[in-house]
Amino acid sequence: MSANSTDVPNVLIVEDEMMLRMRAVDIVEDAGFHSVEAVNADEAMSILESRSDISLLFTDIQMPGTMDGLKLAHTVHNRWPGIKIILVSGQVKPSEAERPTDSRFFGKPLGMQQMITELQTMVGVGALKIVPRPVVLPAEEIVHTVAPVHKAAPLEPPLSAHEAVLSAENDSLRVLLEQAGIDAKVLLAQAGIDAKEREAADKLQKLILGELHHRIKNTLATVSAIASQSFRAAPTIEHGQQAMEGRLAALGRAHDLLMQISWSNASLTHTFSGATEPFESQGARRFHFNGPDIRITSGAVIALAMTFNELCTNTTKFGALSIPAGRVEIAWTIDEDKQRLRLTWTEKAGPPVQPPERRSFGTRMMESLGQQLNGQVQLSYAPTGFVYALDVPLGSLIAAA
């Protein structure tokens, strides 16, 4: 990567989902621009009020906080009309009249090359030079796909093989959702439910199907981001595949836990034990937990589970658990006065530790978690053992009553 930082446009990315924000950062940097990150509209406004070098706002629409992405876009357009705006969402599709003038909208999951082209069209050709590590594909694994031609978007670039699969899966899921709606109406009629009850049931069904479709779209976008990140810096296809499978398995385990409690508040201890269990040795207890149990939100469950998967993967490959005598101590305390949770992951009795030569995807994920939960993350590579420390406000972990 090379360029004078003062000559490179800055793009403000506003996305509350950690994986999707990291995916957006990759898109922006591959387009040749600097990325500035915010997890909600309030943080984005603070950034915009403190600096005058933002060229484009790249924001999700559904976000927690005092305003959603659409309201943020209108506020930015009114106060800073020179800033270009891109809106994205996996659930809603605002009309042109609902969006700020000259803004653009894209549905999730985002196509990498399409978004790069759009960014460069709106802001200009980026100045950064990104040189990704090459991954050589065997000839028999190279798949050529041709995107269908649509009159409404004649300049849309071809989908990659991975994006084509995701698109096909999304189409299939949409058909299943529509079929579910038809089947539900038939069952209601067969059950003899009267018109008023059926109308109420129809409204509830539409609400449930809408939420389900939103979760499916977000999950597809997350899977796309995981795949992109896993292969992005992998030295070989095999390394990338193993990394992706591990991360998807961690995401699946987090969803299993949330399904057991119907996506309500989950146990912090169960989240940790579920994330570390696949890495526990047979007949030996190598992970030791010490801390009070609390109920945490679904968003915190997924973020913590994904981060612990990275920590577990790294320690089994390079850290304390790479040798039989090694162990990991996970301790957390709650400061009632300051309403904060402080957690430390400490590796002991392992091989001597050396700092990594580059910031990996796992490192970026762990650092991004602190921002996701409005807290701080510290990574210490002491020779005696790696230490991960997390300090977050309880309000970011516990759902409001």
Protein backbone atom coordinates (compact mmCIF):
# COMPACT_ATOMS: atom_id res chain seq x y z
CA MET A 1 0.00 0.00 0.00
CA SER A 2 1.47 3.32 -0.97
CA ALA A 3 0.35 6.90 -1.34
CA ASN A 4 0.59 10.21 0.40
CA SER A 5 -2.15 9.97 3.05
CA THR A 6 -3.12 13.60 2.51
CA ASP A 7 -3.99 12.84 -1.13
CA VAL A 8 -6.22 9.82 -0.44
CA PRO A 9 -9.96 10.43 0.06
CA ASN A 10 -11.50 9.21 3.33
CA VAL A 11 -14.68 7.12 3.43
CA LEU A 12 -16.68 6.99 6.68
CA ILE A 13 -18.12 3.48 7.21
CA VAL A 14 -21.06 3.21 9.63
CA GLU A 15 -22.04 -0.41 10.40
CA ASP A 16 -22.92 -1.96 13.76
CA GLU A 17 -22.22 -5.57 12.68
CA MET A 18 -18.54 -6.31 13.22
CA MET A 19 -18.00 -8.74 10.33
CA LEU A 20 -19.94 -6.61 7.87
CA ARG A 21 -18.01 -3.50 8.91
CA MET A 22 -14.73 -5.31 8.27
CA ARG A 23 -16.05 -6.41 4.87
CA ALA A 24 -16.89 -2.77 4.06
CA VAL A 25 -13.39 -1.70 5.13
CA ASP A 26 -11.89 -4.18 2.66
CA ILE A 27 -14.10 -2.84 -0.13
CA VAL A 28 -13.14 0.77 0.61
CA GLU A 29 -9.42 0.01 0.85
CA ASP A 30 -9.44 -2.14 -2.29
CA ALA A 31 -11.06 0.81 -4.07
CA GLY A 32 -7.97 2.81 -3.05
CA PHE A 33 -9.36 4.93 -0.21
CA HIS A 34 -8.79 5.34 3.52
CA SER A 35 -11.52 3.96 5.79
CA VAL A 36 -12.81 5.63 8.96
CA GLU A 37 -15.05 3.40 11.10
CA ALA A 38 -18.09 4.07 13.28
CA VAL A 39 -20.52 1.60 14.87
CA ASN A 40 -23.57 3.89 14.96
CA ALA A 41 -24.88 7.26 13.81
CA ASP A 42 -23.94 9.04 17.06
CA GLU A 43 -20.29 8.05 16.67
CA ALA A 44 -20.41 8.97 12.99
CA MET A 45 -21.70 12.47 13.79
CA SER A 46 -18.90 12.96 16.34
CA ILE A 47 -16.35 12.05 13.67
CA LEU A 48 -17.90 14.35 11.08
CA GLU A 49 -18.02 17.27 13.51
CA SER A 50 -14.35 16.83 14.41
CA ARG A 51 -12.85 16.59 10.92
CA SER A 52 -13.44 18.01 7.46
CA ASP A 53 -11.77 15.42 5.23
CA ILE A 54 -14.59 12.88 4.73
CA SER A 55 -15.47 12.44 1.04
CA LEU A 56 -18.15 9.77 1.25
CA LEU A 57 -20.54 8.28 3.83
CA PHE A 58 -21.03 4.50 3.52
CA THR A 59 -23.78 3.56 5.98
CA ASP A 60 -26.09 0.71 6.88
CA ILE A 61 -29.73 1.72 7.40
CA GLN A 62 -30.73 -0.49 10.36
CA MET A 63 -28.64 0.55 13.37
CA PRO A 64 -29.13 1.06 17.11
CA GLY A 65 -28.85 4.54 18.57
CA THR A 66 -30.65 7.85 18.35
CA MET A 67 -31.04 7.67 14.57
CA ASP A 68 -30.91 5.07 11.83
CA GLY A 69 -28.76 5.21 8.71
CA LEU A 70 -31.42 6.92 6.58
CA LYS A 71 -31.86 9.76 9.07
CA LEU A 72 -28.08 10.00 9.37
CA ALA A 73 -27.80 10.28 5.58
CA HIS A 74 -30.30 13.17 5.46
CA THR A 75 -28.53 14.93 8.34
CA VAL A 76 -25.17 14.60 6.61
CA HIS A 77 -26.61 15.76 3.29
CA ASN A 78 -28.11 18.86 4.91
CA ARG A 79 -25.05 19.82 6.97
CA TRP A 80 -22.28 18.67 4.64
CA PRO A 81 -23.76 18.65 1.11
CA GLY A 82 -20.36 17.94 -0.45
CA ILE A 83 -20.17 14.45 1.10
CA LYS A 84 -21.35 11.66 -1.23
CA ILE A 85 -23.64 9.01 0.29
CA ILE A 86 -24.08 5.25 -0.18
CA LEU A 87 -26.84 3.47 1.76
CA VAL A 88 -26.94 -0.33 2.22
CA SER A 89 -29.44 -2.69 3.85
CA GLY A 90 -30.49 -6.31 3.90
CA GLN A 91 -34.05 -5.56 4.98
CA VAL A 92 -35.45 -2.29 3.62
CA LYS A 93 -35.18 -0.66 0.23
CA PRO A 94 -35.86 3.08 0.41
CA SER A 95 -37.27 4.72 -2.66
CA GLU A 96 -35.39 7.46 -4.47
CA ALA A 97 -37.75 10.01 -2.92
CA GLU A 98 -36.91 8.74 0.59
CA ARG A 99 -33.16 9.01 0.04
CA PRO A 100 -31.05 12.18 -0.03
CA THR A 101 -30.48 13.67 -3.48
CA ASP A 102 -27.78 11.91 -5.53
CA SER A 103 -27.34 9.15 -2.92
CA ARG A 104 -27.09 5.50 -3.96
CA PHE A 105 -28.61 2.37 -2.42
CA PHE A 106 -27.41 -1.25 -2.54
CA GLY A 107 -28.91 -4.39 -1.00
CA LYS A 108 -26.91 -6.88 1.06
CA PRO A 109 -24.91 -9.00 0.53
CA LEU A 110 -22.67 -6.54 -1.27
CA GLY A 111 -20.84 -7.45 -4.46
CA MET A 112 -17.16 -6.63 -3.97
CA GLN A 113 -16.30 -5.51 -7.49
CA GLN A 114 -19.59 -3.70 -7.99
CA MET A 115 -19.07 -1.62 -4.84
CA ILE A 116 -15.43 -0.86 -5.72
CA THR A 117 -16.53 0.41 -9.13
CA GLU A 118 -19.31 2.50 -7.57
CA LEU A 119 -16.98 4.06 -5.00
CA GLN A 120 -14.45 4.98 -7.65
CA THR A 121 -17.20 6.45 -9.82
CA MET A 122 -18.58 8.61 -7.00
CA VAL A 123 -15.30 9.72 -5.41
CA GLY A 124 -12.71 9.20 -8.11
CA VAL A 125 -10.00 6.63 -8.72
CA GLY A 126 -8.32 5.75 -5.42
CA ALA A 127 -4.72 6.65 -4.77
CA LEU A 128 -3.78 3.63 -2.64
CA LYS A 129 -2.08 0.68 -4.24
CA ILE A 130 -3.32 -2.58 -2.73
CA VAL A 131 -1.19 -5.61 -3.51
CA PRO A 132 -2.94 -8.73 -2.17
CA ARG A 133 -1.01 -11.91 -1.57
CA PRO A 134 -1.56 -14.12 -4.62
CA VAL A 135 -3.41 -17.39 -4.21
CA VAL A 136 -2.86 -19.85 -7.03
CA LEU A 137 -5.89 -21.92 -7.94
CA PRO A 138 -5.53 -25.33 -9.58
CA ALA A 139 -6.79 -25.24 -13.15
CA GLU A 140 -9.63 -27.62 -12.41
CA GLU A 141 -10.92 -25.37 -9.59
CA ILE A 142 -11.19 -22.22 -11.69
CA VAL A 143 -14.86 -21.51 -12.38
CA HIS A 144 -16.00 -18.89 -14.86
CA THR A 145 -19.43 -17.39 -14.29
CA VAL A 146 -21.32 -14.90 -16.38
CA ALA A 147 -23.82 -12.61 -14.70
CA PRO A 148 -27.24 -12.40 -16.34
CA VAL A 149 -27.87 -9.24 -18.31
CA HIS A 150 -30.42 -6.84 -16.81
CA LYS A 151 -31.65 -3.82 -18.73
CA ALA A 152 -31.85 -1.79 -15.50
CA ALA A 153 -28.16 -2.30 -14.74
CA PRO A 154 -26.22 -2.84 -17.97
CA LEU A 155 -22.90 -1.85 -16.41
CA GLU A 156 -23.09 -4.30 -13.49
CA PRO A 157 -19.90 -6.42 -13.43
CA PRO A 158 -20.05 -10.24 -13.53
CA LEU A 159 -20.59 -12.03 -10.23
CA SER A 160 -17.75 -14.06 -8.79
CA ALA A 161 -18.32 -17.79 -8.32
CA HIS A 162 -18.79 -17.27 -4.58
CA GLU A 163 -21.24 -14.38 -5.03
CA ALA A 164 -23.20 -16.38 -7.61
CA VAL A 165 -23.66 -19.20 -5.09
CA LEU A 166 -24.82 -16.75 -2.40
CA SER A 167 -27.23 -15.12 -4.82
CA ALA A 168 -28.70 -18.47 -5.83
CA GLU A 169 -29.08 -19.48 -2.17
CA ASN A 170 -30.80 -16.20 -1.39
CA ASP A 171 -33.24 -16.70 -4.29
CA SER A 172 -34.03 -20.19 -3.04
CA LEU A 173 -34.62 -18.91 0.49
CA ARG A 174 -36.94 -16.20 -0.81
CA VAL A 175 -38.99 -18.81 -2.68
CA LEU A 176 -39.19 -20.92 0.49
CA LEU A 177 -40.36 -17.91 2.48
CA GLU A 178 -43.05 -17.15 -0.09
CA GLN A 179 -44.12 -20.81 -0.09
CA ALA A 180 -44.26 -20.74 3.71
CA GLY A 181 -46.71 -17.87 3.45
CA ILE A 182 -48.97 -19.84 1.09
CA ASP A 183 -48.83 -22.98 3.25
CA ALA A 184 -49.64 -21.02 6.41
CA LYS A 185 -52.82 -19.61 4.83
CA VAL A 186 -53.95 -23.09 3.77
CA LEU A 187 -53.40 -24.46 7.28
CA LEU A 188 -55.36 -21.58 8.83
CA ALA A 189 -58.29 -22.23 6.50
CA GLN A 190 -58.24 -25.96 7.22
CA ALA A 191 -58.20 -25.26 10.94
CA GLY A 192 -61.43 -23.26 10.62
CA ILE A 193 -59.99 -20.00 11.92
CA ASP A 194 -62.43 -17.14 11.28
CA ALA A 195 -61.71 -14.03 9.23
CA LYS A 196 -60.67 -11.77 12.12
CA GLU A 197 -58.38 -14.38 13.63
CA ARG A 198 -56.96 -15.11 10.20
CA GLU A 199 -56.29 -11.41 9.59
CA ALA A 200 -54.45 -11.15 12.91
CA ALA A 201 -52.54 -14.34 12.12
CA ASP A 202 -51.64 -12.99 8.68
CA LYS A 203 -50.19 -9.83 10.21
CA LEU A 204 -48.18 -11.87 12.72
CA GLN A 205 -47.01 -14.19 9.98
CA LYS A 206 -45.81 -11.29 7.80
CA LEU A 207 -43.95 -9.85 10.78
CA ILE A 208 -42.26 -13.19 11.50
CA LEU A 209 -41.39 -13.83 7.85
CA GLY A 210 -40.01 -10.30 7.50
CA GLU A 211 -37.78 -10.78 10.53
CA LEU A 212 -36.70 -14.21 9.28
CA HIS A 213 -35.85 -12.81 5.86
CA HIS A 214 -33.87 -10.01 7.49
CA ARG A 215 -31.88 -12.51 9.57
CA ILE A 216 -31.24 -14.67 6.51
CA LYS A 217 -29.98 -11.70 4.50
CA ASN A 218 -27.72 -10.61 7.36
CA THR A 219 -26.43 -14.15 7.78
CA LEU A 220 -25.67 -14.42 4.06
CA ALA A 221 -23.85 -11.10 4.19
CA THR A 222 -21.88 -12.28 7.24
CA VAL A 223 -20.98 -15.57 5.53
CA SER A 224 -19.84 -13.62 2.46
CA ALA A 225 -17.66 -11.43 4.68
CA ILE A 226 -16.17 -14.46 6.46
CA ALA A 227 -15.35 -16.14 3.13
CA SER A 228 -13.77 -12.97 1.75
CA GLN A 229 -11.66 -12.41 4.88
CA SER A 230 -10.60 -16.06 5.16
CA PHE A 231 -9.23 -16.26 1.62
CA ARG A 232 -8.00 -12.67 1.44
CA ALA A 233 -4.60 -13.25 3.07
CA ALA A 234 -4.43 -17.06 3.04
CA PRO A 235 -1.13 -18.40 1.69
CA THR A 236 -2.92 -21.35 0.05
CA ILE A 237 -6.45 -22.43 -0.82
CA GLU A 238 -6.23 -25.11 1.89
CA HIS A 239 -5.37 -22.57 4.59
CA GLY A 240 -8.22 -20.34 3.48
CA GLN A 241 -10.68 -23.22 3.43
CA GLN A 242 -9.70 -24.37 6.93
CA ALA A 243 -10.00 -20.85 8.30
CA MET A 244 -13.41 -20.33 6.71
CA GLU A 245 -14.75 -23.68 7.94
CA GLY A 246 -13.63 -22.89 11.50
CA ARG A 247 -15.26 -19.47 11.46
CA LEU A 248 -18.51 -20.76 9.99
CA ALA A 249 -18.57 -23.52 12.62
CA ALA A 250 -18.10 -20.90 15.35
CA LEU A 251 -20.95 -18.84 13.89
CA GLY A 252 -23.12 -21.97 13.81
CA ARG A 253 -22.39 -22.79 17.46
CA ALA A 254 -23.31 -19.24 18.47
CA HIS A 255 -26.60 -19.53 16.59
CA ASP A 256 -27.29 -22.92 18.22
CA LEU A 257 -26.92 -21.30 21.64
CA LEU A 258 -29.22 -18.45 20.66
CA MET A 259 -31.83 -20.83 19.26
CA GLN A 260 -31.93 -22.68 22.61
CA ILE A 261 -32.99 -19.49 24.37
CA SER A 262 -35.08 -18.13 21.44
CA TRP A 263 -32.62 -15.32 20.64
CA SER A 264 -33.10 -13.69 24.03
CA ASN A 265 -30.39 -13.01 26.60
CA ALA A 266 -27.81 -15.81 26.85
CA SER A 267 -25.38 -16.87 29.58
CA LEU A 268 -21.91 -15.33 29.35
CA THR A 269 -20.35 -18.48 30.86
CA HIS A 270 -22.18 -20.76 28.42
CA THR A 271 -21.03 -18.55 25.54
CA PHE A 272 -17.39 -18.98 26.59
CA SER A 273 -17.66 -22.71 27.29
CA GLY A 274 -19.48 -23.33 23.99
CA ALA A 275 -16.80 -21.45 22.05
CA THR A 276 -13.89 -23.29 23.71
CA GLU A 277 -15.37 -26.80 23.95
CA PRO A 278 -14.32 -27.93 20.42
CA PHE A 279 -10.70 -27.08 21.33
CA GLU A 280 -10.69 -28.87 24.69
CA SER A 281 -8.44 -31.95 24.89
CA GLN A 282 -9.92 -35.36 25.66
CA GLY A 283 -9.47 -36.21 29.34
CA ALA A 284 -7.76 -32.91 30.17
CA ARG A 285 -9.16 -29.52 31.15
CA ARG A 286 -7.04 -26.84 29.56
CA PHE A 287 -9.44 -23.87 29.69
CA HIS A 288 -10.12 -22.48 33.19
CA PHE A 289 -12.97 -19.98 33.76
CA ASN A 290 -13.34 -17.61 36.70
CA GLY A 291 -16.00 -14.91 36.79
CA PRO A 292 -19.65 -14.13 37.58
CA ASP A 293 -22.28 -15.22 35.11
CA ILE A 294 -24.49 -12.57 33.48
CA ARG A 295 -27.06 -12.58 30.68
CA ILE A 296 -25.82 -10.96 27.47
CA THR A 297 -27.49 -9.88 24.23
CA SER A 298 -27.53 -11.92 21.01
CA GLY A 299 -25.17 -9.47 19.32
CA ALA A 300 -22.64 -9.84 22.13
CA VAL A 301 -22.95 -13.65 21.98
CA ILE A 302 -22.01 -13.75 18.28
CA ALA A 303 -19.18 -11.21 18.63
CA LEU A 304 -17.65 -12.97 21.65
CA ALA A 305 -18.04 -16.45 20.15
CA MET A 306 -16.32 -15.39 16.92
CA THR A 307 -13.50 -13.70 18.84
CA PHE A 308 -12.97 -16.71 21.11
CA ASN A 309 -12.81 -18.91 18.03
CA GLU A 310 -9.89 -16.79 16.76
CA LEU A 311 -8.17 -16.95 20.15
CA CYS A 312 -8.64 -20.72 20.38
CA THR A 313 -7.42 -21.29 16.83
CA ASN A 314 -4.30 -19.20 17.42
CA THR A 315 -3.43 -20.80 20.76
CA THR A 316 -3.75 -24.35 19.40
CA LYS A 317 -1.53 -23.49 16.43
CA PHE A 318 1.08 -21.18 17.94
CA GLY A 319 0.33 -20.53 21.61
CA ALA A 320 0.03 -22.32 24.91
CA LEU A 321 -2.21 -25.14 23.69
CA SER A 322 0.25 -26.06 20.95
CA ILE A 323 2.09 -28.13 23.58
CA PRO A 324 0.62 -30.62 26.11
CA ALA A 325 1.55 -28.63 29.25
CA GLY A 326 -0.07 -25.36 28.13
CA ARG A 327 -3.30 -23.96 29.53
CA VAL A 328 -5.52 -20.88 29.19
CA GLU A 329 -7.03 -18.92 32.08
CA ILE A 330 -10.11 -16.82 31.29
CA ALA A 331 -11.10 -14.46 34.09
CA TRP A 332 -13.52 -11.56 34.22
CA THR A 333 -14.76 -9.14 36.87
CA ILE A 334 -17.56 -6.60 37.05
CA ASP A 335 -16.93 -3.11 38.38
CA GLU A 336 -20.34 -2.20 39.83
CA ASP A 337 -19.39 1.43 40.45
CA LYS A 338 -18.18 2.08 36.90
CA GLN A 339 -20.56 -0.48 35.34
CA ARG A 340 -17.84 -2.14 33.30
CA LEU A 341 -16.75 -5.71 32.59
CA ARG A 342 -13.03 -6.49 32.41
CA LEU A 343 -11.94 -9.81 30.90
CA THR A 344 -8.50 -11.31 30.41
CA TRP A 345 -7.45 -14.36 28.39
CA THR A 346 -4.03 -15.45 29.67
CA GLU A 347 -1.97 -18.23 28.11
CA LYS A 348 0.44 -20.05 30.43
CA ALA A 349 3.10 -22.78 30.25
CA GLY A 350 3.33 -22.50 26.50
CA PRO A 351 6.26 -21.92 24.16
CA PRO A 352 8.02 -18.50 24.14
CA VAL A 353 5.85 -15.88 22.47
CA GLN A 354 6.95 -13.66 19.61
CA PRO A 355 4.89 -10.74 18.26
CA PRO A 356 3.37 -11.42 14.81
CA GLU A 357 4.98 -9.85 11.76
CA ARG A 358 1.67 -8.54 10.37
CA ARG A 359 -1.88 -7.73 11.51
CA SER A 360 -3.93 -10.77 10.58
CA PHE A 361 -7.67 -10.97 10.08
CA GLY A 362 -7.98 -12.53 13.54
CA THR A 363 -6.15 -9.61 15.10
CA ARG A 364 -8.37 -7.13 13.26
CA MET A 365 -11.45 -9.02 14.45
CA MET A 366 -10.37 -8.96 18.08
CA GLU A 367 -9.57 -5.25 17.90
CA SER A 368 -12.86 -4.55 16.14
CA LEU A 369 -14.76 -6.28 18.94
CA GLY A 370 -13.73 -3.53 21.34
CA GLN A 371 -15.22 -0.94 19.01
CA GLN A 372 -18.31 -3.12 18.48
CA LEU A 373 -19.02 -3.09 22.22
CA ASN A 374 -17.86 0.50 22.84
CA GLY A 375 -14.86 -0.74 24.80
CA GLN A 376 -11.12 -1.30 24.46
CA VAL A 377 -9.00 -4.31 23.53
CA GLN A 378 -5.34 -4.80 24.40
CA LEU A 379 -3.11 -7.56 22.99
CA SER A 380 0.13 -8.34 24.86
CA TYR A 381 2.79 -10.60 23.38
CA ALA A 382 4.88 -11.16 26.53
CA PRO A 383 7.48 -13.98 26.18
CA THR A 384 5.78 -15.87 29.03
CA GLY A 385 2.41 -15.98 27.30
CA PHE A 386 -0.04 -14.10 25.11
CA VAL A 387 -2.66 -12.00 26.92
CA TYR A 388 -5.92 -10.66 25.48
CA ALA A 389 -7.70 -8.02 27.60
CA LEU A 390 -11.20 -6.65 27.02
CA ASP A 391 -12.74 -3.71 28.91
CA VAL A 392 -16.34 -2.86 27.99
CA PRO A 393 -19.32 -1.06 29.53
CA LEU A 394 -21.99 -3.42 30.85
CA GLY A 395 -24.57 -1.51 28.86
CA SER A 396 -23.02 -2.88 25.66
CA LEU A 397 -23.43 -6.48 26.85
CA ILE A 398 -26.70 -6.51 28.77
CA ALA A 399 -30.02 -5.80 27.08
CA ALA A 400 -32.02 -2.91 28.43
CA ALA A 401 -34.86 -3.97 30.70
